[in-house]
N, C-alpha and C. Protein backbone atom coordinates (compact mmCIF):
# COMPACT_ATOMS: atom_id res chain seq x y z
N MET A 1 -1.36 10.62 -36.13
CA MET A 1 -0.08 10.30 -35.55
C MET A 1 -0.31 9.62 -34.21
N SER A 2 0.36 8.52 -33.96
CA SER A 2 0.19 7.76 -32.74
C SER A 2 1.41 7.94 -31.85
N PHE A 3 1.18 8.04 -30.53
CA PHE A 3 2.26 8.19 -29.57
C PHE A 3 2.48 6.92 -28.77
N LYS A 4 2.10 5.80 -29.28
CA LYS A 4 2.26 4.54 -28.57
C LYS A 4 3.72 4.12 -28.57
N SER A 5 4.11 3.39 -27.55
CA SER A 5 5.47 2.87 -27.44
C SER A 5 5.62 1.66 -28.33
N ALA A 6 6.86 1.34 -28.61
CA ALA A 6 7.14 0.13 -29.39
C ALA A 6 6.74 -1.08 -28.56
N PRO A 7 6.35 -2.17 -29.20
CA PRO A 7 5.96 -3.37 -28.44
C PRO A 7 7.10 -3.85 -27.54
N GLY A 8 6.75 -4.21 -26.33
CA GLY A 8 7.73 -4.73 -25.39
C GLY A 8 8.44 -3.67 -24.57
N THR A 9 8.15 -2.39 -24.81
CA THR A 9 8.76 -1.34 -24.02
C THR A 9 7.69 -0.68 -23.16
N PRO A 10 8.09 -0.22 -21.97
CA PRO A 10 7.09 0.43 -21.12
C PRO A 10 6.64 1.75 -21.72
N PRO A 11 5.41 2.15 -21.45
CA PRO A 11 4.91 3.40 -21.99
C PRO A 11 5.66 4.59 -21.40
N VAL A 12 5.80 5.63 -22.18
CA VAL A 12 6.47 6.85 -21.74
C VAL A 12 5.45 7.69 -20.98
N LYS A 13 5.85 8.15 -19.82
CA LYS A 13 4.96 8.97 -19.00
C LYS A 13 5.37 10.43 -19.16
N HIS A 14 4.53 11.22 -19.77
CA HIS A 14 4.85 12.61 -20.04
C HIS A 14 4.37 13.55 -18.94
N ASN A 15 3.35 13.17 -18.23
CA ASN A 15 2.75 14.08 -17.26
C ASN A 15 3.40 14.05 -15.89
N THR A 16 4.26 13.08 -15.62
CA THR A 16 4.88 12.98 -14.30
C THR A 16 6.39 13.14 -14.43
N PRO A 17 6.91 14.36 -14.23
CA PRO A 17 8.34 14.57 -14.36
C PRO A 17 9.14 13.89 -13.26
N GLY A 18 8.56 13.60 -12.14
CA GLY A 18 9.20 12.92 -11.03
C GLY A 18 8.15 12.18 -10.25
N GLN A 19 8.47 11.88 -9.04
CA GLN A 19 7.48 11.22 -8.19
C GLN A 19 6.44 12.25 -7.74
N LYS A 20 5.21 11.78 -7.53
CA LYS A 20 4.17 12.67 -7.04
C LYS A 20 4.47 13.08 -5.60
N LEU A 21 4.06 14.28 -5.24
CA LEU A 21 4.22 14.73 -3.87
C LEU A 21 3.19 14.02 -3.00
N PRO A 22 3.53 13.76 -1.75
CA PRO A 22 2.58 13.08 -0.87
C PRO A 22 1.39 13.96 -0.53
N SER A 23 0.33 13.32 -0.09
CA SER A 23 -0.88 14.05 0.30
C SER A 23 -0.66 14.73 1.65
N ALA A 24 -1.51 15.69 1.95
CA ALA A 24 -1.43 16.40 3.23
C ALA A 24 -1.61 15.43 4.39
N ARG A 25 -2.51 14.48 4.23
CA ARG A 25 -2.74 13.48 5.28
C ARG A 25 -1.48 12.62 5.48
N GLY A 26 -0.85 12.22 4.39
CA GLY A 26 0.37 11.42 4.48
C GLY A 26 1.50 12.19 5.15
N ILE A 27 1.61 13.47 4.83
CA ILE A 27 2.64 14.31 5.45
C ILE A 27 2.39 14.44 6.94
N ARG A 28 1.13 14.70 7.31
CA ARG A 28 0.80 14.85 8.73
C ARG A 28 1.10 13.57 9.51
N ARG A 29 0.76 12.43 8.94
CA ARG A 29 1.01 11.15 9.62
C ARG A 29 2.51 10.88 9.74
N ALA A 30 3.27 11.21 8.69
CA ALA A 30 4.72 11.00 8.73
C ALA A 30 5.36 11.89 9.79
N CYS A 31 4.93 13.15 9.86
CA CYS A 31 5.47 14.06 10.87
C CYS A 31 5.17 13.54 12.27
N SER A 32 3.96 13.06 12.47
CA SER A 32 3.57 12.53 13.76
C SER A 32 4.43 11.33 14.16
N LYS A 33 4.62 10.41 13.23
CA LYS A 33 5.43 9.22 13.51
C LYS A 33 6.88 9.58 13.80
N GLU A 34 7.43 10.50 13.01
CA GLU A 34 8.83 10.88 13.21
C GLU A 34 9.04 11.53 14.57
N LEU A 35 8.12 12.40 14.98
CA LEU A 35 8.25 13.04 16.29
C LEU A 35 8.03 12.04 17.42
N TYR A 36 7.11 11.11 17.25
CA TYR A 36 6.90 10.08 18.27
C TYR A 36 8.17 9.25 18.46
N ARG A 37 8.77 8.83 17.35
CA ARG A 37 10.00 8.03 17.43
C ARG A 37 11.15 8.83 18.05
N THR A 38 11.19 10.12 17.72
CA THR A 38 12.24 10.99 18.29
C THR A 38 12.07 11.10 19.80
N ALA A 39 10.86 11.34 20.26
CA ALA A 39 10.60 11.45 21.69
C ALA A 39 10.93 10.13 22.39
N LYS A 40 10.64 9.03 21.74
CA LYS A 40 10.94 7.72 22.32
C LYS A 40 12.45 7.53 22.46
N LYS A 41 13.20 7.96 21.45
CA LYS A 41 14.66 7.85 21.50
C LYS A 41 15.25 8.77 22.57
N LEU A 42 14.59 9.91 22.82
CA LEU A 42 15.06 10.83 23.86
C LEU A 42 14.85 10.25 25.26
N LYS A 43 13.91 9.33 25.38
CA LYS A 43 13.54 8.73 26.67
C LYS A 43 13.08 9.80 27.66
N VAL A 44 12.27 10.73 27.13
CA VAL A 44 11.70 11.81 27.92
C VAL A 44 10.21 11.82 27.66
N TYR A 45 9.42 12.03 28.71
CA TYR A 45 7.97 12.11 28.53
C TYR A 45 7.61 13.46 27.93
N ILE A 46 6.87 13.42 26.85
CA ILE A 46 6.35 14.63 26.21
C ILE A 46 4.83 14.54 26.30
N SER A 47 4.21 15.54 26.90
CA SER A 47 2.76 15.52 27.07
C SER A 47 2.07 15.54 25.70
N PRO A 48 0.86 14.99 25.65
CA PRO A 48 0.12 15.00 24.37
C PRO A 48 -0.09 16.40 23.80
N GLU A 49 -0.26 17.40 24.67
CA GLU A 49 -0.46 18.77 24.19
C GLU A 49 0.81 19.29 23.51
N LEU A 50 1.97 19.04 24.13
CA LEU A 50 3.23 19.49 23.54
C LEU A 50 3.55 18.71 22.27
N MET A 51 3.20 17.44 22.25
CA MET A 51 3.42 16.64 21.05
C MET A 51 2.58 17.18 19.90
N LYS A 52 1.33 17.53 20.18
CA LYS A 52 0.43 18.07 19.16
C LYS A 52 0.96 19.41 18.63
N GLN A 53 1.44 20.27 19.53
CA GLN A 53 2.00 21.55 19.11
C GLN A 53 3.24 21.34 18.23
N ALA A 54 4.08 20.38 18.60
CA ALA A 54 5.28 20.09 17.82
C ALA A 54 4.90 19.54 16.45
N GLU A 55 3.87 18.69 16.40
CA GLU A 55 3.41 18.14 15.12
C GLU A 55 2.93 19.26 14.20
N GLU A 56 2.17 20.20 14.75
CA GLU A 56 1.67 21.32 13.94
C GLU A 56 2.83 22.17 13.42
N LEU A 57 3.80 22.43 14.28
CA LEU A 57 4.96 23.21 13.89
C LEU A 57 5.75 22.51 12.79
N TYR A 58 6.03 21.24 12.98
CA TYR A 58 6.79 20.44 12.01
C TYR A 58 6.02 20.32 10.70
N TYR A 59 4.74 20.06 10.78
CA TYR A 59 3.89 19.95 9.59
C TYR A 59 3.93 21.25 8.78
N GLY A 60 3.82 22.37 9.46
CA GLY A 60 3.86 23.66 8.78
C GLY A 60 5.18 23.90 8.07
N LYS A 61 6.27 23.51 8.71
CA LYS A 61 7.59 23.68 8.09
C LYS A 61 7.73 22.78 6.87
N VAL A 62 7.22 21.56 6.96
CA VAL A 62 7.30 20.64 5.83
C VAL A 62 6.48 21.17 4.65
N ILE A 63 5.27 21.64 4.92
CA ILE A 63 4.42 22.18 3.86
C ILE A 63 5.09 23.39 3.20
N ALA A 64 5.73 24.23 4.00
CA ALA A 64 6.39 25.43 3.46
C ALA A 64 7.56 25.07 2.55
N ASN A 65 8.18 23.93 2.79
CA ASN A 65 9.35 23.50 2.00
C ASN A 65 9.07 22.24 1.21
N LEU A 66 7.82 22.02 0.85
CA LEU A 66 7.40 20.76 0.25
C LEU A 66 8.12 20.43 -1.06
N LEU A 67 8.31 21.40 -1.92
CA LEU A 67 8.98 21.10 -3.19
C LEU A 67 10.41 20.64 -2.97
N TRP A 68 11.15 21.33 -2.10
CA TRP A 68 12.53 20.93 -1.82
C TRP A 68 12.57 19.55 -1.18
N ILE A 69 11.67 19.31 -0.23
CA ILE A 69 11.62 18.01 0.44
C ILE A 69 11.25 16.91 -0.55
N GLY A 70 10.32 17.20 -1.45
CA GLY A 70 9.96 16.23 -2.48
C GLY A 70 11.12 15.89 -3.40
N GLU A 71 11.92 16.90 -3.74
CA GLU A 71 13.09 16.66 -4.60
C GLU A 71 14.16 15.84 -3.90
N ASN A 72 14.25 15.97 -2.58
CA ASN A 72 15.30 15.30 -1.81
C ASN A 72 14.76 14.15 -0.97
N ARG A 73 13.62 13.60 -1.35
CA ARG A 73 12.98 12.58 -0.53
C ARG A 73 13.82 11.32 -0.36
N ASP A 74 14.75 11.05 -1.26
CA ASP A 74 15.58 9.86 -1.16
C ASP A 74 16.89 10.12 -0.42
N ASN A 75 17.15 11.34 -0.02
CA ASN A 75 18.40 11.69 0.65
C ASN A 75 18.11 12.01 2.12
N ARG A 76 18.10 10.98 2.95
CA ARG A 76 17.75 11.17 4.36
C ARG A 76 18.76 12.04 5.09
N LYS A 77 20.02 11.96 4.69
CA LYS A 77 21.03 12.79 5.35
C LYS A 77 20.73 14.27 5.13
N LYS A 78 20.38 14.64 3.90
CA LYS A 78 20.06 16.04 3.59
C LYS A 78 18.79 16.47 4.32
N LEU A 79 17.80 15.58 4.42
CA LEU A 79 16.57 15.91 5.14
C LEU A 79 16.85 16.10 6.63
N CYS A 80 17.74 15.28 7.19
CA CYS A 80 18.12 15.44 8.61
C CYS A 80 18.82 16.77 8.82
N GLU A 81 19.69 17.14 7.90
CA GLU A 81 20.38 18.43 8.00
C GLU A 81 19.37 19.59 7.95
N TRP A 82 18.36 19.47 7.07
CA TRP A 82 17.32 20.50 7.00
C TRP A 82 16.57 20.56 8.32
N TRP A 83 16.22 19.40 8.87
CA TRP A 83 15.48 19.36 10.13
C TRP A 83 16.30 20.00 11.25
N ASN A 84 17.59 19.68 11.29
CA ASN A 84 18.46 20.26 12.31
C ASN A 84 18.52 21.77 12.20
N ALA A 85 18.58 22.29 10.99
CA ALA A 85 18.72 23.73 10.78
C ALA A 85 17.40 24.49 10.97
N ASP A 86 16.30 23.92 10.49
CA ASP A 86 15.05 24.69 10.43
C ASP A 86 14.00 24.32 11.48
N VAL A 87 14.08 23.15 12.06
CA VAL A 87 12.99 22.68 12.91
C VAL A 87 13.42 22.40 14.34
N SER A 88 14.59 21.84 14.52
CA SER A 88 14.98 21.29 15.83
C SER A 88 15.01 22.32 16.95
N ALA A 89 15.50 23.53 16.71
CA ALA A 89 15.60 24.53 17.78
C ALA A 89 14.23 24.89 18.34
N GLU A 90 13.24 25.04 17.45
CA GLU A 90 11.90 25.41 17.91
C GLU A 90 11.24 24.28 18.70
N ILE A 91 11.45 23.04 18.25
CA ILE A 91 10.86 21.91 18.98
C ILE A 91 11.58 21.70 20.30
N ALA A 92 12.89 21.89 20.33
CA ALA A 92 13.64 21.77 21.58
C ALA A 92 13.14 22.79 22.60
N ALA A 93 12.91 24.02 22.16
CA ALA A 93 12.39 25.05 23.06
C ALA A 93 10.98 24.70 23.54
N LEU A 94 10.16 24.17 22.64
CA LEU A 94 8.79 23.80 22.98
C LEU A 94 8.77 22.66 24.00
N TRP A 95 9.61 21.66 23.78
CA TRP A 95 9.65 20.49 24.65
C TRP A 95 10.51 20.70 25.90
N GLY A 96 11.31 21.75 25.93
CA GLY A 96 12.18 22.00 27.08
C GLY A 96 13.35 21.03 27.16
N VAL A 97 13.91 20.69 26.01
CA VAL A 97 15.08 19.79 25.97
C VAL A 97 16.23 20.51 25.26
N GLU A 98 17.42 19.98 25.41
CA GLU A 98 18.59 20.52 24.72
C GLU A 98 18.50 20.20 23.23
N VAL A 99 19.05 21.07 22.41
CA VAL A 99 18.97 20.90 20.96
C VAL A 99 19.79 19.71 20.48
N GLU A 100 21.02 19.55 20.99
CA GLU A 100 21.90 18.48 20.49
C GLU A 100 21.34 17.08 20.73
N PRO A 101 20.86 16.77 21.94
CA PRO A 101 20.26 15.44 22.11
C PRO A 101 19.01 15.23 21.25
N LEU A 102 18.24 16.29 21.05
CA LEU A 102 17.06 16.19 20.20
C LEU A 102 17.47 15.89 18.76
N GLN A 103 18.48 16.59 18.27
CA GLN A 103 18.96 16.34 16.91
C GLN A 103 19.50 14.93 16.77
N ALA A 104 20.22 14.46 17.77
CA ALA A 104 20.76 13.10 17.73
C ALA A 104 19.63 12.06 17.74
N ALA A 105 18.61 12.31 18.55
CA ALA A 105 17.47 11.38 18.62
C ALA A 105 16.72 11.36 17.30
N PHE A 106 16.53 12.54 16.69
CA PHE A 106 15.84 12.58 15.40
C PHE A 106 16.66 11.87 14.33
N LYS A 107 17.96 12.12 14.33
CA LYS A 107 18.82 11.47 13.33
C LYS A 107 18.76 9.96 13.47
N ASN A 108 18.75 9.49 14.69
CA ASN A 108 18.67 8.05 14.94
C ASN A 108 17.31 7.50 14.55
N ALA A 109 16.25 8.22 14.88
CA ALA A 109 14.89 7.75 14.58
C ALA A 109 14.56 7.87 13.11
N PHE A 110 14.91 8.96 12.49
CA PHE A 110 14.55 9.21 11.09
C PHE A 110 15.55 8.59 10.12
N GLY A 111 16.81 8.75 10.41
CA GLY A 111 17.83 8.24 9.50
C GLY A 111 18.05 6.75 9.63
N GLY A 112 17.70 6.22 10.79
CA GLY A 112 17.84 4.78 10.98
C GLY A 112 19.25 4.33 11.22
N TYR A 113 20.12 5.23 11.65
CA TYR A 113 21.50 4.83 11.92
C TYR A 113 21.93 5.39 13.26
N ARG A 114 22.87 4.73 13.85
CA ARG A 114 23.36 5.11 15.18
C ARG A 114 24.41 6.21 15.06
N LEU A 115 24.57 6.94 16.14
CA LEU A 115 25.59 7.99 16.18
C LEU A 115 26.89 7.44 16.66
């Protein structure tokens, strides 16, 4: 018995139910870029040590929720809401900034839209 597709049709992919999850390196780089852009939008100097601590915190939260984030990777609004609820307060405390401006800066940097 052959499982080949009909001529002219793309092959059926059985092993990939959705998109593959990103690698740990890709996640770490994305977290770093997102926090850098957020700090830039805040127009506040964040020391390299505090930036590194925030990256580790954010990376850990993303890894802990990787399946949910992978399922919602195309919904930036939902990802921003998750970030606001689960990540922003801890990073605001770490950086010594108010939560609301941090959330607005992240939304602008990550979502790509103005408030």
